[in-house]
Amino acid sequence: MAQKKKSADKPKAIVNRRATFDYALGDELMAGLVLTGPEVRAARDGRVQLKGSFVTIRNHELWLNNASFSLKLNQKGQPGAAAVDTSPRKLLASRKQIDALDRQRVAGFTIVPLRLLTQGRFIKLVIAVGKGKKHYDKRETIKRRDQERDASRIIKSHL
């Protein structure tokens, strides 16, 4: 009896962990993405990097900048050839949502991508409005995280 191949677990969401460290985040919003076929394949396979990416508003449209998609190239003689594409991609949101984001952006906030969701039929991007943290705020976050980790270790060792 032939054994079935185990399919590699594909990520259901690609997370931008750096965003929660660098920004004090506010409201979240889910937006669609305009992607081509190879970009969709890269997203479903988990070959997308959101670190360092940001969202801008141009001509009353949302654009995702600096997101790295590792695209597989189908070229003869080069199996597994890949190219990294960081070109801007259009995000799909309603006019009301874009206007609200634009008002907050003018007030000094940044629009940051948090997660790329790939589990359903559509690929969605969760974005949030955030205010950049200062260096001392980041140190405080690290300190608080270390204290919580130490406290949980102590509690776990005494149980």
Protein backbone atom coordinates (compact mmCIF):
# COMPACT_ATOMS: atom_id res chain seq x y z
CA MET A 1 0.00 0.00 0.00
CA ALA A 2 1.46 3.34 -1.03
CA GLN A 3 1.85 5.99 1.61
CA LYS A 4 0.49 9.46 1.04
CA LYS A 5 2.93 12.32 1.05
CA LYS A 6 2.56 14.63 3.99
CA SER A 7 1.88 18.12 2.79
CA ALA A 8 3.93 20.78 4.50
CA ASP A 9 1.90 22.88 6.90
CA LYS A 10 1.34 26.17 5.18
CA PRO A 11 0.94 29.20 7.41
CA LYS A 12 -2.59 30.52 7.74
CA ALA A 13 -1.26 33.98 8.54
CA ILE A 14 2.01 35.76 7.94
CA VAL A 15 2.65 38.01 10.95
CA ASN A 16 4.65 41.23 11.15
CA ARG A 17 6.01 40.79 14.68
CA ARG A 18 8.19 43.88 14.38
CA ALA A 19 5.12 46.14 14.07
CA THR A 20 3.95 45.47 17.63
CA PHE A 21 7.42 46.27 18.93
CA ASP A 22 7.99 49.46 16.92
CA TYR A 23 4.49 50.99 17.15
CA ALA A 24 1.78 51.62 19.72
CA LEU A 25 -1.11 50.25 17.68
CA GLY A 26 -4.71 51.41 17.52
CA ASP A 27 -7.71 50.26 15.48
CA GLU A 28 -7.30 47.37 13.05
CA LEU A 29 -8.80 47.19 9.57
CA MET A 30 -8.99 44.29 7.12
CA ALA A 31 -8.29 45.10 3.48
CA GLY A 32 -8.05 43.00 0.33
CA LEU A 33 -4.99 42.85 -1.92
CA VAL A 34 -4.66 43.10 -5.69
CA LEU A 35 -2.21 40.31 -6.60
CA THR A 36 -1.07 38.41 -9.67
CA GLY A 37 -0.93 34.61 -9.90
CA PRO A 38 2.70 34.11 -8.78
CA GLU A 39 2.16 36.56 -5.90
CA VAL A 40 -0.88 34.59 -4.72
CA ARG A 41 1.15 31.36 -4.85
CA ALA A 42 3.95 32.99 -2.83
CA ALA A 43 1.45 34.22 -0.21
CA ARG A 44 -0.25 30.83 0.11
CA ASP A 45 3.16 29.11 0.48
CA GLY A 46 4.23 31.60 3.16
CA ARG A 47 7.01 33.23 1.14
CA VAL A 48 6.08 36.81 2.07
CA GLN A 49 7.95 39.15 4.41
CA LEU A 50 6.07 42.10 5.96
CA LYS A 51 8.98 43.39 8.08
CA GLY A 52 9.75 46.97 7.13
CA SER A 53 6.60 47.37 5.03
CA PHE A 54 4.16 50.25 5.35
CA VAL A 55 0.93 51.54 3.81
CA THR A 56 0.59 54.86 2.00
CA ILE A 57 -2.38 56.73 0.56
CA ARG A 58 -1.99 57.97 -3.02
CA ASN A 59 -4.86 59.36 -5.10
CA HIS A 60 -7.38 58.22 -2.45
CA GLU A 61 -6.12 54.61 -2.74
CA LEU A 62 -4.22 52.46 -0.23
CA TRP A 63 -0.86 51.03 -1.35
CA LEU A 64 1.30 48.43 0.39
CA ASN A 65 5.00 49.30 0.03
CA ASN A 66 8.16 47.28 0.75
CA ALA A 67 6.45 43.91 1.26
CA SER A 68 8.78 41.19 -0.08
CA PHE A 69 7.17 38.45 -2.18
CA SER A 70 9.55 35.59 -3.15
CA LEU A 71 8.22 34.61 -6.56
CA LYS A 72 9.05 31.29 -8.22
CA LEU A 73 10.23 31.78 -11.78
CA ASN A 74 9.33 29.14 -14.35
CA GLN A 75 12.40 29.24 -16.55
CA LYS A 76 13.88 26.38 -18.52
CA GLY A 77 17.09 25.02 -17.11
CA GLN A 78 16.68 26.75 -13.75
CA PRO A 79 14.59 24.61 -11.41
CA GLY A 80 13.53 26.47 -8.29
CA ALA A 81 14.66 29.89 -9.50
CA ALA A 82 13.19 32.68 -7.42
CA ALA A 83 13.07 36.47 -7.46
CA VAL A 84 12.15 38.88 -4.67
CA ASP A 85 9.56 41.48 -5.67
CA THR A 86 8.99 44.55 -3.47
CA SER A 87 6.86 46.62 -5.83
CA PRO A 88 3.82 48.50 -4.40
CA ARG A 89 0.53 46.63 -4.31
CA LYS A 90 -2.93 48.13 -4.21
CA LEU A 91 -5.15 47.47 -1.19
CA LEU A 92 -8.93 47.26 -1.42
CA ALA A 93 -10.96 49.15 1.18
CA SER A 94 -14.10 51.27 1.18
CA ARG A 95 -13.98 55.03 0.66
CA LYS A 96 -15.12 55.65 4.27
CA GLN A 97 -12.30 53.50 5.64
CA ILE A 98 -9.68 55.18 3.45
CA ASP A 99 -10.88 58.66 4.49
CA ALA A 100 -10.75 57.71 8.18
CA LEU A 101 -7.20 56.37 7.75
CA ASP A 102 -6.19 59.52 5.88
CA ARG A 103 -7.46 61.75 8.71
CA GLN A 104 -5.46 59.76 11.25
CA ARG A 105 -2.36 59.77 9.04
CA VAL A 106 -2.51 63.56 8.79
CA ALA A 107 -2.71 63.67 12.61
CA GLY A 108 0.74 62.01 12.80
CA PHE A 109 -0.04 58.29 12.80
CA THR A 110 1.44 55.60 10.55
CA ILE A 111 -0.48 52.84 8.79
CA VAL A 112 1.25 49.52 9.45
CA PRO A 113 0.50 46.01 8.08
CA LEU A 114 0.11 43.43 10.85
CA ARG A 115 -0.94 40.12 9.31
CA LEU A 116 -1.47 38.61 5.87
CA LEU A 117 -4.37 36.14 6.07
CA THR A 118 -4.40 33.34 3.50
CA GLN A 119 -6.76 30.69 4.87
CA GLY A 120 -9.92 31.57 2.95
CA ARG A 121 -10.65 32.07 -0.70
CA PHE A 122 -9.34 35.62 -0.61
CA ILE A 123 -6.04 36.95 0.66
CA LYS A 124 -6.55 39.74 3.19
CA LEU A 125 -4.18 42.13 4.92
CA VAL A 126 -4.85 43.34 8.46
CA ILE A 127 -3.58 46.89 8.88
CA ALA A 128 -3.56 49.15 11.92
CA VAL A 129 -2.92 52.77 12.72
CA GLY A 130 0.04 53.21 15.02
CA LYS A 131 2.22 55.83 16.63
CA GLY A 132 5.95 55.16 16.53
CA LYS A 133 7.50 54.23 19.88
CA LYS A 134 10.53 56.07 21.21
CA HIS A 135 13.67 54.17 22.17
CA TYR A 136 12.87 54.31 25.89
CA ASP A 137 9.38 52.90 25.24
CA LYS A 138 10.95 49.94 23.43
CA ARG A 139 13.31 49.32 26.36
CA GLU A 140 10.34 49.40 28.72
CA THR A 141 8.52 46.85 26.55
CA ILE A 142 11.54 44.52 26.66
CA LYS A 143 11.83 44.94 30.43
CA ARG A 144 8.12 44.19 31.01
CA ARG A 145 8.28 41.12 28.72
CA ASP A 146 11.33 39.77 30.60
CA GLN A 147 9.63 40.30 33.97
CA GLU A 148 6.51 38.46 32.82
CA ARG A 149 8.62 35.58 31.48
CA ASP A 150 10.55 35.31 34.77
CA ALA A 151 7.34 35.41 36.82
CA SER A 152 5.74 32.65 34.73
CA ARG A 153 8.91 30.52 35.12
CA ILE A 154 8.81 30.93 38.90
CA ILE A 155 5.12 30.06 39.06
CA LYS A 156 5.64 27.03 36.81
CA SER A 157 8.58 25.76 38.89
CA HIS A 158 6.58 25.97 42.16
CA LEU A 159 3.57 24.05 40.84
